[in-house]
């Protein structure tokens, strides 16, 4: 309002304002979800989910919406977990979205779902710059960003991924080496065990 701008400059500034507003909006939504999960105020609406189908659906959407994105999915015909569809989708979007953000355009991000007696694992591997060893212990902290990183983000995505994993009784781990990329692994408990745990909590 204070400056006289030509039409092209108006468009450029409006785009910057819109981008920052979107970023702040995403930050607020992520922070509120973190608070609800951490305080136990998220409604427990877990049901049996086919993780393979959910991951395949989200991968198709993410690949189509990002220029230069290439995803390589390896998943069995069915891999059942007990989960909240909305939360699991957020987990997948955060991990796969991060991998795409840090991978060079056209370089595949590998996504794998695997069933085992202990449960169902989701693995996301990128070929990005990797994470310094000293940053790994703090990677899932709220608002933490790897020193020197210039990639856009709020610093809440991985914190939310950890909260979602823990809410499902799952474990999340990361391994990384500079110049070789990073691998994030989430191990969900077997659906049968999750059903028993849920019933025990309800009874208690």
C-alpha atoms as a PDB file:
ATOM      1  CA  UNK A   1       0.000   0.000   0.000  1.00  0.00           C
ATOM      2  CA  UNK A   2       2.897   2.382   0.653  1.00  0.00           C
ATOM      3  CA  UNK A   3       4.729   1.789  -2.641  1.00  0.00           C
ATOM      4  CA  UNK A   4       3.942   2.474  -6.255  1.00  0.00           C
ATOM      5  CA  UNK A   5       4.553  -0.791  -8.089  1.00  0.00           C
ATOM      6  CA  UNK A   6       4.045  -1.702 -11.688  1.00  0.00           C
ATOM      7  CA  UNK A   7       1.849  -4.669 -12.543  1.00  0.00           C
ATOM      8  CA  UNK A   8       4.702  -7.186 -12.837  1.00  0.00           C
ATOM      9  CA  UNK A   9       6.153  -6.124  -9.489  1.00  0.00           C
ATOM     10  CA  UNK A  10       2.712  -6.340  -7.911  1.00  0.00           C
ATOM     11  CA  UNK A  11       2.399  -9.943  -9.113  1.00  0.00           C
ATOM     12  CA  UNK A  12       5.856 -10.799  -7.781  1.00  0.00           C
ATOM     13  CA  UNK A  13       5.200  -9.289  -4.349  1.00  0.00           C
ATOM     14  CA  UNK A  14       1.733 -10.854  -4.161  1.00  0.00           C
ATOM     15  CA  UNK A  15       3.301 -14.234  -4.909  1.00  0.00           C
ATOM     16  CA  UNK A  16       5.817 -13.766  -2.088  1.00  0.00           C
ATOM     17  CA  UNK A  17       3.065 -12.796   0.346  1.00  0.00           C
ATOM     18  CA  UNK A  18       0.922 -15.767  -0.690  1.00  0.00           C
ATOM     19  CA  UNK A  19       3.870 -18.146  -0.334  1.00  0.00           C
ATOM     20  CA  UNK A  20       4.663 -16.912   3.175  1.00  0.00           C
ATOM     21  CA  UNK A  21       0.997 -17.076   4.168  1.00  0.00           C
ATOM     22  CA  UNK A  22       0.812 -20.674   2.937  1.00  0.00           C
ATOM     23  CA  UNK A  23       3.992 -21.558   4.834  1.00  0.00           C
ATOM     24  CA  UNK A  24       2.688 -20.035   8.063  1.00  0.00           C
ATOM     25  CA  UNK A  25      -0.651 -21.796   7.553  1.00  0.00           C
ATOM     26  CA  UNK A  26       1.085 -25.155   7.216  1.00  0.00           C
ATOM     27  CA  UNK A  27       3.158 -24.412  10.308  1.00  0.00           C
ATOM     28  CA  UNK A  28       0.061 -23.602  12.389  1.00  0.00           C
ATOM     29  CA  UNK A  29      -1.756 -26.752  11.224  1.00  0.00           C
ATOM     30  CA  UNK A  30       1.294 -28.947  11.950  1.00  0.00           C
ATOM     31  CA  UNK A  31       1.822 -27.370  15.367  1.00  0.00           C
ATOM     32  CA  UNK A  32      -1.818 -27.862  16.357  1.00  0.00           C
ATOM     33  CA  UNK A  33      -1.683 -31.494  15.227  1.00  0.00           C
ATOM     34  CA  UNK A  34       1.476 -32.011  17.277  1.00  0.00           C
ATOM     35  CA  UNK A  35      -0.201 -30.563  20.343  1.00  0.00           C
ATOM     36  CA  UNK A  36      -3.310 -32.718  19.918  1.00  0.00           C
ATOM     37  CA  UNK A  37      -1.269 -35.881  19.446  1.00  0.00           C
ATOM     38  CA  UNK A  38       1.136 -35.138  22.280  1.00  0.00           C
ATOM     39  CA  UNK A  39      -1.634 -34.320  24.744  1.00  0.00           C
ATOM     40  CA  UNK A  40      -3.728 -37.373  23.862  1.00  0.00           C
ATOM     41  CA  UNK A  41      -6.584 -35.270  22.442  1.00  0.00           C
ATOM     42  CA  UNK A  42      -6.592 -36.854  18.987  1.00  0.00           C
ATOM     43  CA  UNK A  43      -9.716 -39.066  18.617  1.00  0.00           C
ATOM     44  CA  UNK A  44      -8.759 -42.730  18.420  1.00  0.00           C
ATOM     45  CA  UNK A  45     -10.336 -43.802  15.134  1.00  0.00           C
ATOM     46  CA  UNK A  46      -7.913 -46.547  14.157  1.00  0.00           C
ATOM     47  CA  UNK A  47      -9.081 -49.207  11.764  1.00  0.00           C
ATOM     48  CA  UNK A  48      -7.519 -51.868   9.583  1.00  0.00           C
ATOM     49  CA  UNK A  49      -5.661 -50.240   6.700  1.00  0.00           C
ATOM     50  CA  UNK A  50      -3.848 -51.599   3.678  1.00  0.00           C
ATOM     51  CA  UNK A  51      -0.581 -49.673   4.005  1.00  0.00           C
ATOM     52  CA  UNK A  52       0.556 -50.740   0.527  1.00  0.00           C
ATOM     53  CA  UNK A  53      -2.530 -49.245  -1.113  1.00  0.00           C
ATOM     54  CA  UNK A  54      -2.360 -46.051   0.966  1.00  0.00           C
ATOM     55  CA  UNK A  55       1.332 -45.505   0.183  1.00  0.00           C
ATOM     56  CA  UNK A  56       0.794 -46.206  -3.529  1.00  0.00           C
ATOM     57  CA  UNK A  57      -2.036 -43.669  -3.639  1.00  0.00           C
ATOM     58  CA  UNK A  58      -0.011 -40.961  -1.898  1.00  0.00           C
ATOM     59  CA  UNK A  59       3.049 -41.656  -4.060  1.00  0.00           C
ATOM     60  CA  UNK A  60       1.005 -41.203  -7.235  1.00  0.00           C
ATOM     61  CA  UNK A  61      -0.346 -37.904  -5.940  1.00  0.00           C
ATOM     62  CA  UNK A  62       3.039 -36.575  -4.817  1.00  0.00           C
ATOM     63  CA  UNK A  63       4.756 -37.599  -8.042  1.00  0.00           C
ATOM     64  CA  UNK A  64       2.070 -35.927 -10.156  1.00  0.00           C
ATOM     65  CA  UNK A  65       2.171 -32.688  -8.155  1.00  0.00           C
ATOM     66  CA  UNK A  66       5.956 -32.160  -8.198  1.00  0.00           C
ATOM     67  CA  UNK A  67       7.884 -31.390 -11.343  1.00  0.00           C
ATOM     68  CA  UNK A  68      10.844 -33.720 -11.828  1.00  0.00           C
ATOM     69  CA  UNK A  69       9.709 -36.080  -9.053  1.00  0.00           C
ATOM     70  CA  UNK A  70      10.438 -39.768  -9.608  1.00  0.00           C
ATOM     71  CA  UNK A  71       9.251 -42.376  -7.103  1.00  0.00           C
ATOM     72  CA  UNK A  72      10.109 -46.061  -7.199  1.00  0.00           C
ATOM     73  CA  UNK A  73       7.647 -48.085  -5.119  1.00  0.00           C
ATOM     74  CA  UNK A  74       8.155 -51.648  -3.958  1.00  0.00           C
ATOM     75  CA  UNK A  75       5.161 -52.930  -2.018  1.00  0.00           C
ATOM     76  CA  UNK A  76       3.361 -56.267  -1.534  1.00  0.00           C
ATOM     77  CA  UNK A  77      -0.199 -56.783  -2.717  1.00  0.00           C
ATOM     78  CA  UNK A  78      -1.448 -56.068   0.804  1.00  0.00           C
ATOM     79  CA  UNK A  79       0.134 -55.072   4.097  1.00  0.00           C
ATOM     80  CA  UNK A  80      -2.360 -54.523   6.910  1.00  0.00           C
ATOM     81  CA  UNK A  81      -1.865 -52.222   9.878  1.00  0.00           C
ATOM     82  CA  UNK A  82      -4.221 -50.736  12.458  1.00  0.00           C
ATOM     83  CA  UNK A  83      -4.148 -47.002  11.941  1.00  0.00           C
ATOM     84  CA  UNK A  84      -5.823 -43.654  11.476  1.00  0.00           C
ATOM     85  CA  UNK A  85      -5.922 -43.010   7.697  1.00  0.00           C
ATOM     86  CA  UNK A  86      -5.520 -39.240   8.017  1.00  0.00           C
ATOM     87  CA  UNK A  87      -2.494 -39.514  10.296  1.00  0.00           C
ATOM     88  CA  UNK A  88      -0.796 -42.249   8.272  1.00  0.00           C
ATOM     89  CA  UNK A  89      -1.238 -40.160   5.115  1.00  0.00           C
ATOM     90  CA  UNK A  90       0.420 -37.211   6.858  1.00  0.00           C
ATOM     91  CA  UNK A  91       3.297 -39.463   7.888  1.00  0.00           C
ATOM     92  CA  UNK A  92       3.774 -40.732   4.329  1.00  0.00           C
ATOM     93  CA  UNK A  93       3.476 -37.247   2.840  1.00  0.00           C
ATOM     94  CA  UNK A  94       6.059 -35.828   5.245  1.00  0.00           C
ATOM     95  CA  UNK A  95       8.634 -38.568   4.714  1.00  0.00           C
ATOM     96  CA  UNK A  96       8.213 -38.902   0.946  1.00  0.00           C
ATOM     97  CA  UNK A  97       7.842 -35.141   0.488  1.00  0.00           C
ATOM     98  CA  UNK A  98      11.086 -34.543   2.395  1.00  0.00           C
ATOM     99  CA  UNK A  99      12.884 -37.153   0.298  1.00  0.00           C
ATOM    100  CA  UNK A 100      11.701 -35.503  -2.920  1.00  0.00           C
ATOM    101  CA  UNK A 101      12.706 -32.080  -1.622  1.00  0.00           C
ATOM    102  CA  UNK A 102      16.294 -33.138  -0.981  1.00  0.00           C
ATOM    103  CA  UNK A 103      16.774 -35.409  -4.007  1.00  0.00           C
ATOM    104  CA  UNK A 104      18.043 -34.035  -7.333  1.00  0.00           C
ATOM    105  CA  UNK A 105      15.322 -33.736  -9.988  1.00  0.00           C
ATOM    106  CA  UNK A 106      14.930 -36.938 -11.951  1.00  0.00           C
ATOM    107  CA  UNK A 107      16.756 -39.075  -9.360  1.00  0.00           C
ATOM    108  CA  UNK A 108      14.387 -41.755  -7.997  1.00  0.00           C
ATOM    109  CA  UNK A 109      13.267 -41.789  -4.388  1.00  0.00           C
ATOM    110  CA  UNK A 110      12.814 -45.389  -3.266  1.00  0.00           C
ATOM    111  CA  UNK A 111       9.733 -46.221  -1.195  1.00  0.00           C
ATOM    112  CA  UNK A 112       9.192 -49.727   0.139  1.00  0.00           C
ATOM    113  CA  UNK A 113       6.533 -51.466   2.218  1.00  0.00           C
ATOM    114  CA  UNK A 114       7.358 -54.854   3.684  1.00  0.00           C
ATOM    115  CA  UNK A 115       5.384 -57.302   5.801  1.00  0.00           C
ATOM    116  CA  UNK A 116       7.070 -59.386   8.488  1.00  0.00           C
ATOM    117  CA  UNK A 117       5.959 -61.331  11.584  1.00  0.00           C
ATOM    118  CA  UNK A 118       6.973 -58.394  13.781  1.00  0.00           C
ATOM    119  CA  UNK A 119       4.866 -55.935  11.816  1.00  0.00           C
ATOM    120  CA  UNK A 120       4.864 -53.828   8.659  1.00  0.00           C
ATOM    121  CA  UNK A 121       7.708 -51.508   7.714  1.00  0.00           C
ATOM    122  CA  UNK A 122       7.684 -48.375   5.585  1.00  0.00           C
ATOM    123  CA  UNK A 123      11.048 -47.298   4.210  1.00  0.00           C
ATOM    124  CA  UNK A 124      11.816 -44.086   2.316  1.00  0.00           C
ATOM    125  CA  UNK A 125      15.271 -43.648   0.805  1.00  0.00           C
ATOM    126  CA  UNK A 126      16.565 -40.561  -0.985  1.00  0.00           C
ATOM    127  CA  UNK A 127      19.811 -39.774  -2.823  1.00  0.00           C
ATOM    128  CA  UNK A 128      20.179 -36.287  -1.415  1.00  0.00           C
ATOM    129  CA  UNK A 129      23.127 -34.661   0.357  1.00  0.00           C
ATOM    130  CA  UNK A 130      22.679 -36.671   3.547  1.00  0.00           C
ATOM    131  CA  UNK A 131      22.545 -35.486   7.152  1.00  0.00           C
ATOM    132  CA  UNK A 132      25.588 -34.720   9.326  1.00  0.00           C
ATOM    133  CA  UNK A 133      26.051 -37.296  12.073  1.00  0.00           C
ATOM    134  CA  UNK A 134      25.912 -34.656  14.801  1.00  0.00           C
ATOM    135  CA  UNK A 135      22.457 -33.521  13.610  1.00  0.00           C
ATOM    136  CA  UNK A 136      20.839 -36.975  13.681  1.00  0.00           C
ATOM    137  CA  UNK A 137      19.968 -37.021  17.431  1.00  0.00           C
ATOM    138  CA  UNK A 138      17.983 -33.780  17.070  1.00  0.00           C
ATOM    139  CA  UNK A 139      16.365 -34.484  13.706  1.00  0.00           C
ATOM    140  CA  UNK A 140      12.876 -35.188  15.117  1.00  0.00           C
ATOM    141  CA  UNK A 141      12.803 -32.165  17.440  1.00  0.00           C
ATOM    142  CA  UNK A 142      10.258 -29.433  16.793  1.00  0.00           C
ATOM    143  CA  UNK A 143      11.596 -26.550  14.680  1.00  0.00           C
ATOM    144  CA  UNK A 144      15.017 -28.164  14.307  1.00  0.00           C
ATOM    145  CA  UNK A 145      16.649 -27.598  10.936  1.00  0.00           C
ATOM    146  CA  UNK A 146      19.942 -29.086   9.809  1.00  0.00           C
ATOM    147  CA  UNK A 147      22.581 -26.342  10.044  1.00  0.00           C
ATOM    148  CA  UNK A 148      23.377 -24.903   6.643  1.00  0.00           C
ATOM    149  CA  UNK A 149      20.229 -26.249   4.988  1.00  0.00           C
ATOM    150  CA  UNK A 150      18.569 -23.808   2.593  1.00  0.00           C
ATOM    151  CA  UNK A 151      15.621 -26.051   1.703  1.00  0.00           C
ATOM    152  CA  UNK A 152      12.187 -24.559   2.470  1.00  0.00           C
ATOM    153  CA  UNK A 153      10.292 -25.964   5.434  1.00  0.00           C
ATOM    154  CA  UNK A 154       8.856 -25.299   8.876  1.00  0.00           C
ATOM    155  CA  UNK A 155      10.988 -27.646  10.951  1.00  0.00           C
ATOM    156  CA  UNK A 156       7.848 -29.475  12.093  1.00  0.00           C
ATOM    157  CA  UNK A 157       7.399 -32.213   9.483  1.00  0.00           C
ATOM    158  CA  UNK A 158       9.707 -34.795  11.045  1.00  0.00           C
ATOM    159  CA  UNK A 159       8.523 -33.953  14.564  1.00  0.00           C
ATOM    160  CA  UNK A 160       4.974 -34.659  13.401  1.00  0.00           C
ATOM    161  CA  UNK A 161       6.118 -37.880  11.711  1.00  0.00           C
ATOM    162  CA  UNK A 162       7.592 -39.075  15.015  1.00  0.00           C
ATOM    163  CA  UNK A 163       4.439 -38.181  16.958  1.00  0.00           C
ATOM    164  CA  UNK A 164       2.266 -40.020  14.422  1.00  0.00           C
ATOM    165  CA  UNK A 165       4.522 -43.075  14.578  1.00  0.00           C
ATOM    166  CA  UNK A 166       4.514 -43.149  18.381  1.00  0.00           C
ATOM    167  CA  UNK A 167       0.726 -42.637  18.484  1.00  0.00           C
ATOM    168  CA  UNK A 168       0.440 -45.837  16.423  1.00  0.00           C
ATOM    169  CA  UNK A 169       2.890 -47.716  18.657  1.00  0.00           C
ATOM    170  CA  UNK A 170       5.395 -47.659  15.790  1.00  0.00           C
ATOM    171  CA  UNK A 171       9.132 -46.984  15.807  1.00  0.00           C
ATOM    172  CA  UNK A 172      10.825 -44.502  13.474  1.00  0.00           C
ATOM    173  CA  UNK A 173      14.531 -44.468  12.668  1.00  0.00           C
ATOM    174  CA  UNK A 174      16.877 -42.655  10.299  1.00  0.00           C
ATOM    175  CA  UNK A 175      20.235 -43.594   8.863  1.00  0.00           C
ATOM    176  CA  UNK A 176      22.270 -41.216   6.746  1.00  0.00           C
ATOM    177  CA  UNK A 177      25.722 -40.475   5.388  1.00  0.00           C
ATOM    178  CA  UNK A 178      26.948 -37.262   3.822  1.00  0.00           C
ATOM    179  CA  UNK A 179      26.843 -37.434   0.054  1.00  0.00           C
ATOM    180  CA  UNK A 180      24.943 -40.733   0.070  1.00  0.00           C
ATOM    181  CA  UNK A 181      21.406 -39.751   1.036  1.00  0.00           C
ATOM    182  CA  UNK A 182      19.150 -40.766   3.910  1.00  0.00           C
ATOM    183  CA  UNK A 183      16.817 -43.630   4.761  1.00  0.00           C
ATOM    184  CA  UNK A 184      13.812 -43.261   7.077  1.00  0.00           C
ATOM    185  CA  UNK A 185      12.187 -46.438   8.394  1.00  0.00           C
ATOM    186  CA  UNK A 186       8.894 -46.767  10.272  1.00  0.00           C
ATOM    187  CA  UNK A 187       7.998 -50.137  11.796  1.00  0.00           C
ATOM    188  CA  UNK A 188       4.309 -50.508  12.582  1.00  0.00           C
ATOM    189  CA  UNK A 189       3.285 -53.296  14.985  1.00  0.00           C
ATOM    190  CA  UNK A 190       1.446 -56.295  13.592  1.00  0.00           C
ATOM    191  CA  UNK A 191      -2.260 -55.550  13.196  1.00  0.00           C
ATOM    192  CA  UNK A 192      -3.241 -58.413  15.502  1.00  0.00           C
ATOM    193  CA  UNK A 193      -1.059 -57.057  18.306  1.00  0.00           C
ATOM    194  CA  UNK A 194      -2.363 -53.511  17.740  1.00  0.00           C
ATOM    195  CA  UNK A 195      -5.962 -54.721  18.030  1.00  0.00           C
ATOM    196  CA  UNK A 196      -5.138 -56.400  21.336  1.00  0.00           C
ATOM    197  CA  UNK A 197      -3.367 -53.314  22.667  1.00  0.00           C
ATOM    198  CA  UNK A 198      -6.289 -51.080  21.651  1.00  0.00           C
ATOM    199  CA  UNK A 199      -8.773 -53.390  23.362  1.00  0.00           C
ATOM    200  CA  UNK A 200      -6.665 -53.435  26.513  1.00  0.00           C
ATOM    201  CA  UNK A 201      -6.522 -49.620  26.588  1.00  0.00           C
ATOM    202  CA  UNK A 202     -10.285 -49.404  26.076  1.00  0.00           C
ATOM    203  CA  UNK A 203     -10.877 -51.852  28.912  1.00  0.00           C
ATOM    204  CA  UNK A 204      -8.508 -49.990  31.203  1.00  0.00           C
END
